[in-house]
Structure formats: structure tokens, C-alpha cells
PDB file of N, CA and C in Angstrom:
ATOM      1  N   MET A   1      14.705  60.224 -82.645  1.00  0.00           N
ATOM      2  CA  MET A   1      13.655  59.105 -82.334  1.00  0.00           C
ATOM      3  C   MET A   1      14.008  58.242 -81.271  1.00  0.00           C
ATOM      4  N   ALA A   2      15.036  58.077 -81.063  1.00  0.00           N
ATOM      5  CA  ALA A   2      15.520  56.987 -79.779  1.00  0.00           C
ATOM      6  C   ALA A   2      14.852  57.551 -78.626  1.00  0.00           C
ATOM      7  N   ARG A   3      14.931  58.924 -78.077  1.00  0.00           N
ATOM      8  CA  ARG A   3      14.142  59.193 -76.777  1.00  0.00           C
ATOM      9  C   ARG A   3      12.886  58.855 -76.265  1.00  0.00           C
ATOM     10  N   VAL A   4      11.985  58.853 -77.927  1.00  0.00           N
ATOM     11  CA  VAL A   4      10.764  58.323 -77.814  1.00  0.00           C
ATOM     12  C   VAL A   4      10.402  56.916 -77.922  1.00  0.00           C
ATOM     13  N   THR A   5      11.753  56.277 -78.231  1.00  0.00           N
ATOM     14  CA  THR A   5      11.656  54.929 -78.108  1.00  0.00           C
ATOM     15  C   THR A   5      12.188  54.516 -76.677  1.00  0.00           C
ATOM     16  N   VAL A   6      12.861  55.271 -76.174  1.00  0.00           N
ATOM     17  CA  VAL A   6      13.302  55.063 -74.603  1.00  0.00           C
ATOM     18  C   VAL A   6      12.018  55.145 -74.087  1.00  0.00           C
ATOM     19  N   GLU A   7      10.969  56.225 -73.827  1.00  0.00           N
ATOM     20  CA  GLU A   7       9.785  56.304 -73.349  1.00  0.00           C
ATOM     21  C   GLU A   7       9.010  55.485 -73.465  1.00  0.00           C
ATOM     22  N   ASP A   8       9.112  54.918 -74.701  1.00  0.00           N
ATOM     23  CA  ASP A   8       7.745  53.736 -75.018  1.00  0.00           C
ATOM     24  C   ASP A   8       8.388  52.509 -74.018  1.00  0.00           C
ATOM     25  N   CYS A   9       9.865  52.245 -74.132  1.00  0.00           N
ATOM     26  CA  CYS A   9      10.003  51.005 -73.296  1.00  0.00           C
ATOM     27  C   CYS A   9      10.054  50.945 -71.906  1.00  0.00           C
ATOM     28  N   VAL A  10      10.086  52.499 -71.479  1.00  0.00           N
ATOM     29  CA  VAL A  10      10.216  52.338 -69.786  1.00  0.00           C
ATOM     30  C   VAL A  10       8.913  51.506 -69.345  1.00  0.00           C
ATOM     31  N   ASP A  11       7.376  51.088 -69.944  1.00  0.00           N
ATOM     32  CA  ASP A  11       6.676  50.646 -69.116  1.00  0.00           C
ATOM     33  C   ASP A  11       6.983  49.081 -69.478  1.00  0.00           C
ATOM     34  N   LYS A  12       7.953  48.534 -70.271  1.00  0.00           N
ATOM     35  CA  LYS A  12       8.231  47.322 -70.306  1.00  0.00           C
ATOM     36  C   LYS A  12       8.883  46.825 -69.608  1.00  0.00           C
ATOM     37  N   VAL A  13      10.053  47.676 -69.381  1.00  0.00           N
ATOM     38  CA  VAL A  13      11.342  47.786 -68.411  1.00  0.00           C
ATOM     39  C   VAL A  13      11.340  48.699 -67.913  1.00  0.00           C
ATOM     40  N   PRO A  14      10.909  48.840 -66.539  1.00  0.00           N
ATOM     41  CA  PRO A  14      11.168  49.986 -65.802  1.00  0.00           C
ATOM     42  C   PRO A  14      12.171  50.257 -65.359  1.00  0.00           C
ATOM     43  N   ASN A  15      13.222  49.619 -64.918  1.00  0.00           N
ATOM     44  CA  ASN A  15      14.573  50.151 -64.915  1.00  0.00           C
ATOM     45  C   ASN A  15      15.482  50.307 -65.948  1.00  0.00           C
ATOM     46  N   ARG A  16      15.884  51.749 -66.187  1.00  0.00           N
ATOM     47  CA  ARG A  16      16.337  52.139 -67.444  1.00  0.00           C
ATOM     48  C   ARG A  16      17.899  51.779 -67.392  1.00  0.00           C
ATOM     49  N   PHE A  17      18.347  51.209 -66.550  1.00  0.00           N
ATOM     50  CA  PHE A  17      19.877  50.783 -66.429  1.00  0.00           C
ATOM     51  C   PHE A  17      19.737  48.883 -67.227  1.00  0.00           C
ATOM     52  N   GLU A  18      18.820  48.383 -66.789  1.00  0.00           N
ATOM     53  CA  GLU A  18      18.230  47.025 -67.286  1.00  0.00           C
ATOM     54  C   GLU A  18      17.817  47.125 -68.724  1.00  0.00           C
ATOM     55  N   LEU A  19      17.147  48.124 -69.027  1.00  0.00           N
ATOM     56  CA  LEU A  19      16.735  48.564 -70.170  1.00  0.00           C
ATOM     57  C   LEU A  19      17.974  48.709 -71.406  1.00  0.00           C
ATOM     58  N   VAL A  20      18.870  49.712 -70.668  1.00  0.00           N
ATOM     59  CA  VAL A  20      20.237  49.505 -71.579  1.00  0.00           C
ATOM     60  C   VAL A  20      20.883  48.366 -71.921  1.00  0.00           C
ATOM     61  N   MET A  21      21.185  47.682 -70.792  1.00  0.00           N
ATOM     62  CA  MET A  21      21.949  46.527 -70.912  1.00  0.00           C
ATOM     63  C   MET A  21      21.075  45.601 -71.934  1.00  0.00           C
ATOM     64  N   LEU A  22      19.570  45.262 -71.892  1.00  0.00           N
ATOM     65  CA  LEU A  22      18.984  44.535 -72.696  1.00  0.00           C
ATOM     66  C   LEU A  22      18.593  45.100 -74.229  1.00  0.00           C
ATOM     67  N   ALA A  23      18.832  46.037 -74.164  1.00  0.00           N
ATOM     68  CA  ALA A  23      18.622  46.711 -75.864  1.00  0.00           C
ATOM     69  C   ALA A  23      20.204  46.536 -76.547  1.00  0.00           C
ATOM     70  N   ALA A  24      20.870  46.646 -75.389  1.00  0.00           N
ATOM     71  CA  ALA A  24      22.750  46.496 -76.225  1.00  0.00           C
ATOM     72  C   ALA A  24      22.713  45.174 -76.755  1.00  0.00           C
ATOM     73  N   HIS A  25      22.665  44.290 -75.713  1.00  0.00           N
ATOM     74  CA  HIS A  25      22.510  42.890 -76.130  1.00  0.00           C
ATOM     75  C   HIS A  25      21.812  42.744 -77.538  1.00  0.00           C
ATOM     76  N   ARG A  26      20.398  43.049 -77.506  1.00  0.00           N
ATOM     77  CA  ARG A  26      19.861  42.834 -78.639  1.00  0.00           C
ATOM     78  C   ARG A  26      20.659  43.427 -79.894  1.00  0.00           C
ATOM     79  N   ALA A  27      21.099  44.812 -79.740  1.00  0.00           N
ATOM     80  CA  ALA A  27      21.873  45.035 -80.884  1.00  0.00           C
ATOM     81  C   ALA A  27      22.851  44.406 -81.341  1.00  0.00           C
ATOM     82  N   ARG A  28      23.572  43.878 -80.298  1.00  0.00           N
ATOM     83  CA  ARG A  28      24.883  43.090 -80.658  1.00  0.00           C
ATOM     84  C   ARG A  28      24.506  41.567 -81.412  1.00  0.00           C
ATOM     85  N   GLU A  29      23.101  41.154 -81.025  1.00  0.00           N
ATOM     86  CA  GLU A  29      22.592  39.813 -81.922  1.00  0.00           C
ATOM     87  C   GLU A  29      22.531  40.241 -83.128  1.00  0.00           C
ATOM     88  N   ILE A  30      21.670  41.705 -83.101  1.00  0.00           N
ATOM     89  CA  ILE A  30      21.301  41.871 -84.488  1.00  0.00           C
ATOM     90  C   ILE A  30      22.780  42.157 -85.371  1.00  0.00           C
ATOM     91  N   SER A  31      23.552  42.627 -84.957  1.00  0.00           N
ATOM     92  CA  SER A  31      24.855  42.852 -85.557  1.00  0.00           C
ATOM     93  C   SER A  31      25.244  41.666 -85.634  1.00  0.00           C
ATOM     94  N   ALA A  32      25.187  40.739 -84.746  1.00  0.00           N
ATOM     95  CA  ALA A  32      25.852  39.139 -85.456  1.00  0.00           C
ATOM     96  C   ALA A  32      24.987  38.241 -86.802  1.00  0.00           C
ATOM     97  N   GLY A  33      23.948  39.354 -86.803  1.00  0.00           N
ATOM     98  CA  GLY A  33      23.302  38.460 -88.038  1.00  0.00           C
ATOM     99  C   GLY A  33      21.844  37.656 -87.554  1.00  0.00           C
ATOM    100  N   ALA A  34      21.378  38.280 -86.468  1.00  0.00           N
ATOM    101  CA  ALA A  34      19.903  37.594 -85.804  1.00  0.00           C
ATOM    102  C   ALA A  34      18.926  38.506 -86.769  1.00  0.00           C
ATOM    103  N   PRO A  35      17.743  37.967 -87.075  1.00  0.00           N
ATOM    104  CA  PRO A  35      16.730  38.204 -87.652  1.00  0.00           C
ATOM    105  C   PRO A  35      16.067  39.661 -86.788  1.00  0.00           C
ATOM    106  N   ILE A  36      15.879  40.654 -87.669  1.00  0.00           N
ATOM    107  CA  ILE A  36      14.828  41.642 -86.941  1.00  0.00           C
ATOM    108  C   ILE A  36      13.772  41.140 -86.983  1.00  0.00           C
ATOM    109  N   THR A  37      12.781  41.987 -86.170  1.00  0.00           N
ATOM    110  CA  THR A  37      11.369  41.582 -85.983  1.00  0.00           C
ATOM    111  C   THR A  37      10.528  42.553 -86.490  1.00  0.00           C
ATOM    112  N   VAL A  38      11.046  43.810 -86.393  1.00  0.00           N
ATOM    113  CA  VAL A  38      10.408  45.314 -86.734  1.00  0.00           C
ATOM    114  C   VAL A  38      10.884  45.851 -87.978  1.00  0.00           C
ATOM    115  N   GLU A  39      10.174  46.871 -88.446  1.00  0.00           N
ATOM    116  CA  GLU A  39      10.826  47.587 -89.777  1.00  0.00           C
ATOM    117  C   GLU A  39      12.031  48.050 -89.530  1.00  0.00           C
ATOM    118  N   ARG A  40      13.052  47.964 -90.602  1.00  0.00           N
ATOM    119  CA  ARG A  40      14.305  48.776 -89.985  1.00  0.00           C
ATOM    120  C   ARG A  40      13.999  50.280 -90.206  1.00  0.00           C
ATOM    121  N   ASP A  41      13.560  50.767 -91.204  1.00  0.00           N
ATOM    122  CA  ASP A  41      13.142  52.037 -91.102  1.00  0.00           C
ATOM    123  C   ASP A  41      14.669  53.154 -91.436  1.00  0.00           C
ATOM    124  N   ASN A  42      15.463  52.384 -91.768  1.00  0.00           N
ATOM    125  CA  ASN A  42      16.815  53.374 -91.833  1.00  0.00           C
ATOM    126  C   ASN A  42      17.593  53.785 -90.324  1.00  0.00           C
ATOM    127  N   ASP A  43      17.078  52.972 -89.618  1.00  0.00           N
ATOM    128  CA  ASP A  43      17.406  53.025 -88.117  1.00  0.00           C
ATOM    129  C   ASP A  43      18.783  52.013 -87.727  1.00  0.00           C
ATOM    130  N   LYS A  44      19.546  52.400 -86.851  1.00  0.00           N
ATOM    131  CA  LYS A  44      20.733  51.890 -86.406  1.00  0.00           C
ATOM    132  C   LYS A  44      20.202  50.260 -85.407  1.00  0.00           C
ATOM    133  N   ASN A  45      21.185  49.787 -85.212  1.00  0.00           N
ATOM    134  CA  ASN A  45      20.675  48.591 -84.183  1.00  0.00           C
ATOM    135  C   ASN A  45      20.237  48.830 -82.969  1.00  0.00           C
ATOM    136  N   PRO A  46      20.869  49.841 -82.206  1.00  0.00           N
ATOM    137  CA  PRO A  46      20.427  50.185 -80.973  1.00  0.00           C
ATOM    138  C   PRO A  46      18.896  50.722 -81.116  1.00  0.00           C
ATOM    139  N   VAL A  47      18.804  51.549 -82.213  1.00  0.00           N
ATOM    140  CA  VAL A  47      17.093  52.099 -82.296  1.00  0.00           C
ATOM    141  C   VAL A  47      16.296  50.948 -82.396  1.00  0.00           C
ATOM    142  N   VAL A  48      16.879  50.121 -83.518  1.00  0.00           N
ATOM    143  CA  VAL A  48      16.010  48.804 -83.887  1.00  0.00           C
ATOM    144  C   VAL A  48      15.646  47.806 -82.813  1.00  0.00           C
ATOM    145  N   SER A  49      16.734  47.341 -81.743  1.00  0.00           N
ATOM    146  CA  SER A  49      16.113  46.787 -80.378  1.00  0.00           C
ATOM    147  C   SER A  49      15.218  47.614 -79.593  1.00  0.00           C
ATOM    148  N   LEU A  50      15.499  48.831 -79.350  1.00  0.00           N
ATOM    149  CA  LEU A  50      14.594  49.487 -78.488  1.00  0.00           C
ATOM    150  C   LEU A  50      13.015  49.495 -79.020  1.00  0.00           C
ATOM    151  N   ARG A  51      12.773  49.715 -80.379  1.00  0.00           N
ATOM    152  CA  ARG A  51      11.949  49.552 -80.863  1.00  0.00           C
ATOM    153  C   ARG A  51      10.935  48.161 -80.950  1.00  0.00           C
ATOM    154  N   GLU A  52      11.980  47.092 -80.858  1.00  0.00           N
ATOM    155  CA  GLU A  52      11.499  45.763 -80.976  1.00  0.00           C
ATOM    156  C   GLU A  52      11.263  45.422 -79.234  1.00  0.00           C
ATOM    157  N   ILE A  53      11.704  46.188 -78.044  1.00  0.00           N
ATOM    158  CA  ILE A  53      11.412  46.076 -76.875  1.00  0.00           C
ATOM    159  C   ILE A  53       9.946  46.773 -76.765  1.00  0.00           C
ATOM    160  N   ALA A  54       9.806  47.992 -77.344  1.00  0.00           N
ATOM    161  CA  ALA A  54       8.693  48.721 -77.199  1.00  0.00           C
ATOM    162  C   ALA A  54       7.480  48.123 -77.853  1.00  0.00           C
ATOM    163  N   GLU A  55       7.628  47.505 -78.872  1.00  0.00           N
ATOM    164  CA  GLU A  55       6.345  46.655 -79.558  1.00  0.00           C
ATOM    165  C   GLU A  55       6.432  45.542 -78.935  1.00  0.00           C
ATOM    166  N   GLU A  56       7.076  44.966 -78.105  1.00  0.00           N
ATOM    167  CA  GLU A  56       7.057  43.736 -77.703  1.00  0.00           C
ATOM    168  C   GLU A  56       7.022  42.636 -78.719  1.00  0.00           C
ATOM    169  N   THR A  57       7.816  42.874 -79.695  1.00  0.00           N
ATOM    170  CA  THR A  57       8.146  41.646 -80.561  1.00  0.00           C
ATOM    171  C   THR A  57       9.605  40.951 -79.989  1.00  0.00           C
ATOM    172  N   GLN A  58      10.212  41.193 -79.198  1.00  0.00           N
ATOM    173  CA  GLN A  58      11.185  40.685 -78.225  1.00  0.00           C
ATOM    174  C   GLN A  58      10.653  40.795 -77.141  1.00  0.00           C
ATOM    175  N   SER A  59      10.722  39.897 -76.123  1.00  0.00           N
ATOM    176  CA  SER A  59      10.281  39.670 -74.984  1.00  0.00           C
ATOM    177  C   SER A  59      11.466  40.116 -73.674  1.00  0.00           C
ATOM    178  N   ALA A  60      11.202  41.211 -72.991  1.00  0.00           N
ATOM    179  CA  ALA A  60      12.339  41.473 -72.020  1.00  0.00           C
ATOM    180  C   ALA A  60      12.581  40.103 -71.201  1.00  0.00           C
ATOM    181  N   ASP A  61      12.008  39.247 -70.735  1.00  0.00           N
ATOM    182  CA  ASP A  61      12.277  38.052 -70.071  1.00  0.00           C
ATOM    183  C   ASP A  61      13.172  37.491 -70.837  1.00  0.00           C
ATOM    184  N   GLU A  62      12.744  37.070 -72.037  1.00  0.00           N
ATOM    185  CA  GLU A  62      13.667  36.335 -73.183  1.00  0.00           C
ATOM    186  C   GLU A  62      15.042  36.616 -73.111  1.00  0.00           C
ATOM    187  N   LEU A  63      14.904  38.217 -73.519  1.00  0.00           N
ATOM    188  CA  LEU A  63      16.456  38.936 -73.685  1.00  0.00           C
ATOM    189  C   LEU A  63      17.005  38.905 -72.482  1.00  0.00           C
ATOM    190  N   ARG A  64      16.413  38.865 -71.584  1.00  0.00           N
ATOM    191  CA  ARG A  64      16.790  38.836 -70.313  1.00  0.00           C
ATOM    192  C   ARG A  64      18.008  37.281 -69.890  1.00  0.00           C
ATOM    193  N   GLU A  65      17.242  36.469 -70.248  1.00  0.00           N
ATOM    194  CA  GLU A  65      17.597  34.940 -69.990  1.00  0.00           C
ATOM    195  C   GLU A  65      18.878  34.840 -71.021  1.00  0.00           C
ATOM    196  N   ARG A  66      18.593  35.557 -72.538  1.00  0.00           N
ATOM    197  CA  ARG A  66      19.927  35.408 -73.435  1.00  0.00           C
ATOM    198  C   ARG A  66      21.150  36.166 -73.087  1.00  0.00           C
ATOM    199  N   LEU A  67      20.855  37.504 -72.266  1.00  0.00           N
ATOM    200  CA  LEU A  67      22.086  38.299 -71.801  1.00  0.00           C
ATOM    201  C   LEU A  67      22.535  37.282 -70.505  1.00  0.00           C
ATOM    202  N   ILE A  68      22.003  36.579 -69.874  1.00  0.00           N
ATOM    203  CA  ILE A  68      22.711  36.260 -68.562  1.00  0.00           C
ATOM    204  C   ILE A  68      23.281  34.802 -69.270  1.00  0.00           C
ATOM    205  N   GLU A  69      22.729  34.037 -69.998  1.00  0.00           N
ATOM    206  CA  GLU A  69      23.336  33.061 -70.816  1.00  0.00           C
ATOM    207  C   GLU A  69      24.761  33.412 -71.412  1.00  0.00           C
ATOM    208  N   SER A  70      24.572  34.553 -72.339  1.00  0.00           N
ATOM    209  CA  SER A  70      25.993  34.924 -72.848  1.00  0.00           C
ATOM    210  C   SER A  70      26.854  35.816 -71.837  1.00  0.00           C
ATOM    211  N   ASN A  71      26.343  35.683 -70.731  1.00  0.00           N
ATOM    212  CA  ASN A  71      27.590  36.222 -69.683  1.00  0.00           C
ATOM    213  C   ASN A  71      28.152  34.712 -68.922  1.00  0.00           C
ATOM    214  N   GLN A  72      27.562  33.974 -69.197  1.00  0.00           N
ATOM    215  CA  GLN A  72      27.909  32.661 -68.244  1.00  0.00           C
ATOM    216  C   GLN A  72      29.352  32.339 -68.501  1.00  0.00           C
ATOM    217  N   THR A  73      29.980  31.945 -67.872  1.00  0.00           N
ATOM    218  CA  THR A  73      31.406  31.414 -67.801  1.00  0.00           C
ATOM    219  C   THR A  73      31.496  29.808 -67.276  1.00  0.00           C
ATOM    220  N   GLN A  74      30.344  29.432 -66.519  1.00  0.00           N
ATOM    221  CA  GLN A  74      30.341  28.126 -66.061  1.00  0.00           C
ATOM    222  C   GLN A  74      28.983  27.651 -66.281  1.00  0.00           C
ATOM    223  N   ILE A  75      29.051  26.163 -66.668  1.00  0.00           N
ATOM    224  CA  ILE A  75      27.897  25.811 -67.139  1.00  0.00           C
ATOM    225  C   ILE A  75      27.270  25.342 -65.594  1.00  0.00           C
ATOM    226  N   GLU A  76      25.963  25.072 -65.343  1.00  0.00           N
ATOM    227  CA  GLU A  76      25.922  24.222 -64.052  1.00  0.00           C
ATOM    228  C   GLU A  76      25.713  23.119 -64.324  1.00  0.00           C
ATOM    229  N   VAL A  77      25.808  21.915 -63.558  1.00  0.00           N
ATOM    230  CA  VAL A  77      25.709  20.570 -63.515  1.00  0.00           C
ATOM    231  C   VAL A  77      24.715  20.292 -62.673  1.00  0.00           C
ATOM    232  N   ASP A  78      23.680  19.515 -62.862  1.00  0.00           N
ATOM    233  CA  ASP A  78      22.737  18.871 -61.953  1.00  0.00           C
ATOM    234  C   ASP A  78      23.118  18.061 -61.417  1.00  0.00           C
ATOM    235  N   GLU A  79      24.058  17.030 -61.832  1.00  0.00           N
ATOM    236  CA  GLU A  79      24.446  16.121 -61.365  1.00  0.00           C
ATOM    237  C   GLU A  79      25.825  16.332 -60.188  1.00  0.00           C
ATOM    238  N   PRO A  80      25.999  15.726 -58.910  1.00  0.00           N
ATOM    239  CA  PRO A  80      27.070  15.766 -58.216  1.00  0.00           C
ATOM    240  C   PRO A  80      28.280  15.706 -58.879  1.00  0.00           C
ATOM    241  N   GLU A  81      29.640  16.398 -58.524  1.00  0.00           N
ATOM    242  CA  GLU A  81      30.387  15.601 -59.098  1.00  0.00           C
ATOM    243  C   GLU A  81      31.378  14.765 -58.146  1.00  0.00           C
ATOM    244  N   GLU A  82      32.047  14.014 -58.462  1.00  0.00           N
ATOM    245  CA  GLU A  82      32.974  12.830 -57.347  1.00  0.00           C
ATOM    246  C   GLU A  82      33.965  13.930 -57.014  1.00  0.00           C
ATOM    247  N   ASP A  83      34.238  13.566 -55.803  1.00  0.00           N
ATOM    248  CA  ASP A  83      35.260  14.077 -55.050  1.00  0.00           C
ATOM    249  C   ASP A  83      37.033  13.937 -55.763  1.00  0.00           C
ATOM    250  N   SER A  84      37.506  14.482 -56.490  1.00  0.00           N
ATOM    251  CA  SER A  84      38.449  13.711 -57.444  1.00  0.00           C
ATOM    252  C   SER A  84      39.384  13.890 -56.346  1.00  0.00           C
ATOM    253  N   MET A  85      39.847  14.384 -55.332  1.00  0.00           N
ATOM    254  CA  MET A  85      41.040  14.319 -54.313  1.00  0.00           C
ATOM    255  C   MET A  85      40.887  13.025 -53.891  1.00  0.00           C
ATOM    256  N   ALA A  86      39.607  12.339 -53.316  1.00  0.00           N
ATOM    257  CA  ALA A  86      39.346  11.367 -53.103  1.00  0.00           C
ATOM    258  C   ALA A  86      39.262   9.966 -54.035  1.00  0.00           C
ATOM    259  N   LEU A  87      39.416  10.556 -55.506  1.00  0.00           N
ATOM    260  CA  LEU A  87      39.556   9.477 -56.660  1.00  0.00           C
ATOM    261  C   LEU A  87      41.215   9.622 -56.479  1.00  0.00           C
ATOM    262  N   LEU A  88      42.082  10.668 -56.570  1.00  0.00           N
ATOM    263  CA  LEU A  88      43.641  10.344 -56.649  1.00  0.00           C
ATOM    264  C   LEU A  88      43.823   9.758 -55.531  1.00  0.00           C
ATOM    265  N   MET A  89      43.526   9.725 -54.684  1.00  0.00           N
ATOM    266  CA  MET A  89      43.878   9.031 -53.268  1.00  0.00           C
ATOM    267  C   MET A  89      43.512   7.753 -52.892  1.00  0.00           C
ATOM    268  N   GLY A  90      42.748   7.256 -54.326  1.00  0.00           N
ATOM    269  CA  GLY A  90      42.620   5.759 -54.256  1.00  0.00           C
ATOM    270  C   GLY A  90      41.416   5.235 -52.956  1.00  0.00           C
ATOM    271  N   ALA A  91      40.797   6.319 -52.452  1.00  0.00           N
ATOM    272  CA  ALA A  91      39.797   5.756 -51.624  1.00  0.00           C
ATOM    273  C   ALA A  91      38.452   5.453 -51.977  1.00  0.00           C
ATOM    274  N   ASP A  92      37.814   4.426 -51.434  1.00  0.00           N
ATOM    275  CA  ASP A  92      36.749   3.628 -51.694  1.00  0.00           C
ATOM    276  C   ASP A  92      35.332   4.777 -51.272  1.00  0.00           C
ATOM    277  N   HIS A  93      34.499   4.694 -52.427  1.00  0.00           N
ATOM    278  CA  HIS A  93      33.450   5.743 -51.695  1.00  0.00           C
ATOM    279  C   HIS A  93      32.716   5.328 -50.420  1.00  0.00           C
ATOM    280  N   ASP A  94      32.954   4.080 -50.093  1.00  0.00           N
ATOM    281  CA  ASP A  94      32.259   3.458 -48.686  1.00  0.00           C
ATOM    282  C   ASP A  94      33.430   3.981 -47.406  1.00  0.00           C
ATOM    283  N   LYS A  95      34.567   3.813 -47.867  1.00  0.00           N
ATOM    284  CA  LYS A  95      35.000   4.465 -46.665  1.00  0.00           C
ATOM    285  C   LYS A  95      35.668   5.823 -46.420  1.00  0.00           C
ATOM    286  N   PRO A  96      36.272   6.617 -45.295  1.00  0.00           N
ATOM    287  CA  PRO A  96      36.739   7.939 -45.981  1.00  0.00           C
ATOM    288  C   PRO A  96      37.973   7.949 -46.152  1.00  0.00           C
ATOM    289  N   ALA A  97      38.313   9.225 -46.807  1.00  0.00           N
ATOM    290  CA  ALA A  97      39.974   9.263 -47.587  1.00  0.00           C
ATOM    291  C   ALA A  97      40.765   9.615 -45.880  1.00  0.00           C
ATOM    292  N   GLU A  98      41.986   8.890 -46.268  1.00  0.00           N
ATOM    293  CA  GLU A  98      42.940   9.238 -45.388  1.00  0.00           C
ATOM    294  C   GLU A  98      43.508  10.567 -45.299  1.00  0.00           C
ATOM    295  N   ASP A  99      43.658  11.339 -43.806  1.00  0.00           N
ATOM    296  CA  ASP A  99      43.967  12.698 -44.342  1.00  0.00           C
ATOM    297  C   ASP A  99      45.570  12.567 -43.896  1.00  0.00           C
ATOM    298  N   ASP A 100      46.576  11.524 -43.873  1.00  0.00           N
ATOM    299  CA  ASP A 100      47.527  11.396 -43.503  1.00  0.00           C
ATOM    300  C   ASP A 100      48.525  11.301 -44.604  1.00  0.00           C
ATOM    301  N   MET A 101      48.329  11.469 -45.876  1.00  0.00           N
ATOM    302  CA  MET A 101      49.114  11.410 -47.095  1.00  0.00           C
ATOM    303  C   MET A 101      50.042  12.413 -47.020  1.00  0.00           C
ATOM    304  N   SER A 102      51.415  12.070 -47.306  1.00  0.00           N
ATOM    305  CA  SER A 102      52.670  13.243 -47.580  1.00  0.00           C
ATOM    306  C   SER A 102      52.105  13.628 -48.389  1.00  0.00           C
ATOM    307  N   GLU A 103      53.082  14.985 -48.620  1.00  0.00           N
ATOM    308  CA  GLU A 103      53.136  15.886 -49.655  1.00  0.00           C
ATOM    309  C   GLU A 103      53.609  15.242 -50.711  1.00  0.00           C
ATOM    310  N   GLU A 104      54.771  14.320 -50.462  1.00  0.00           N
ATOM    311  CA  GLU A 104      55.324  13.645 -51.789  1.00  0.00           C
ATOM    312  C   GLU A 104      54.172  12.547 -52.191  1.00  0.00           C
ATOM    313  N   LYS A 105      53.611  12.039 -51.229  1.00  0.00           N
ATOM    314  CA  LYS A 105      52.757  10.924 -52.056  1.00  0.00           C
ATOM    315  C   LYS A 105      51.785  11.690 -53.164  1.00  0.00           C
ATOM    316  N   LEU A 106      51.138  12.848 -52.464  1.00  0.00           N
ATOM    317  CA  LEU A 106      50.212  13.710 -52.922  1.00  0.00           C
ATOM    318  C   LEU A 106      50.563  14.089 -54.502  1.00  0.00           C
ATOM    319  N   LEU A 107      52.036  14.534 -54.343  1.00  0.00           N
ATOM    320  CA  LEU A 107      52.529  15.113 -55.830  1.00  0.00           C
ATOM    321  C   LEU A 107      52.586  14.008 -56.477  1.00  0.00           C
ATOM    322  N   ARG A 108      53.213  12.878 -56.247  1.00  0.00           N
ATOM    323  CA  ARG A 108      53.170  11.615 -57.035  1.00  0.00           C
ATOM    324  C   ARG A 108      51.987  11.124 -57.899  1.00  0.00           C
ATOM    325  N   ALA A 109      50.904  11.196 -57.181  1.00  0.00           N
ATOM    326  CA  ALA A 109      49.464  10.878 -57.164  1.00  0.00           C
ATOM    327  C   ALA A 109      49.216  11.569 -58.590  1.00  0.00           C
ATOM    328  N   LEU A 110      49.240  13.263 -58.038  1.00  0.00           N
ATOM    329  CA  LEU A 110      48.577  13.980 -59.289  1.00  0.00           C
ATOM    330  C   LEU A 110      49.401  14.092 -60.552  1.00  0.00           C
ATOM    331  N   MET A 111      50.996  13.419 -60.399  1.00  0.00           N
ATOM    332  CA  MET A 111      51.854  13.377 -61.522  1.00  0.00           C
ATOM    333  C   MET A 111      51.124  12.262 -62.335  1.00  0.00           C
ATOM    334  N   GLU A 112      50.859  10.970 -61.601  1.00  0.00           N
ATOM    335  CA  GLU A 112      50.686   9.922 -62.463  1.00  0.00           C
ATOM    336  C   GLU A 112      48.981  10.048 -62.858  1.00  0.00           C
ATOM    337  N   ALA A 113      48.296  10.869 -62.409  1.00  0.00           N
ATOM    338  CA  ALA A 113      47.021  11.152 -62.745  1.00  0.00           C
ATOM    339  C   ALA A 113      47.129  11.951 -64.166  1.00  0.00           C
ATOM    340  N   GLN A 114      48.104  12.564 -64.295  1.00  0.00           N
ATOM    341  CA  GLN A 114      47.814  13.699 -65.437  1.00  0.00           C
ATOM    342  C   GLN A 114      48.837  12.726 -66.491  1.00  0.00           C
ATOM    343  N   GLY A 115      49.321  11.739 -66.320  1.00  0.00           N
ATOM    344  CA  GLY A 115      49.983  10.966 -67.333  1.00  0.00           C
ATOM    345  C   GLY A 115      51.329  11.206 -67.314  1.00  0.00           C
ATOM    346  N   GLN A 116      52.363  12.111 -66.147  1.00  0.00           N
ATOM    347  CA  GLN A 116      53.381  12.449 -65.983  1.00  0.00           C
ATOM    348  C   GLN A 116      54.466  11.783 -65.315  1.00  0.00           C
ATOM    349  N   GLY A 117      53.933  10.316 -64.661  1.00  0.00           N
ATOM    350  CA  GLY A 117      54.626  10.075 -63.768  1.00  0.00           C
ATOM    351  C   GLY A 117      55.443   8.633 -64.253  1.00  0.00           C
TER     352      GLY A 117
END
């Protein structure tokens, strides 16, 4: 039955590699307890996920977004971050930081910032 299901999905997700990635991600979601949106019919999770994609009860775009989110290791921040080195060196935001800080002063400032100084 899986071969017919893959053929049914190709018009929804033309790239077979992407189809496999999306179906595998959905199968992992089902294994983790996500509710299925089609009848199981004694099928295993990968076949159920392919049937969901074929019947469009799971949108390929939404699956793609969830797959990307699950693989992200860093969260994008909309606000610009302050220059932590400038803060460590005690520079004001209005004037540029001094570049002639010695290595010893820099290490001392880092240790103090971590609470070890």
C-alpha cells in the first residue's frame, strides 16, 4: 500500500526526498502522541503519515514549517543584541570602545563579569 501512497503524494510534494523527510517527521510526531487525521486501517505510522499528506489532511507547508522548527538550534531574535564586549570594557554607547585594552585587563573584566573576580 505504501507504493500507491507515495504515488498519490508526488503531486502534493513533487520532490521525493522532501516527501520522505516530511512523512518521516510526521511519523515521529504520531509516535510522540500527535493525533492522526485519517483512519489508521491497521497501517504503521509512516504509511499513515503518507496517507495524511496524500489526502491533504496535513498540509505540506505546515509540515515543512514544523520540520524546520524541530531542527532549529538557535532562536532568531528580532531585537539587536548589545555588544557584550563593549559592556565588559565599560564603554558608553555614545563613544567608541577603546582598542588598547591589555590582555590582563580584559581577562580581569571577564572574570569579574562572571562573578569570579
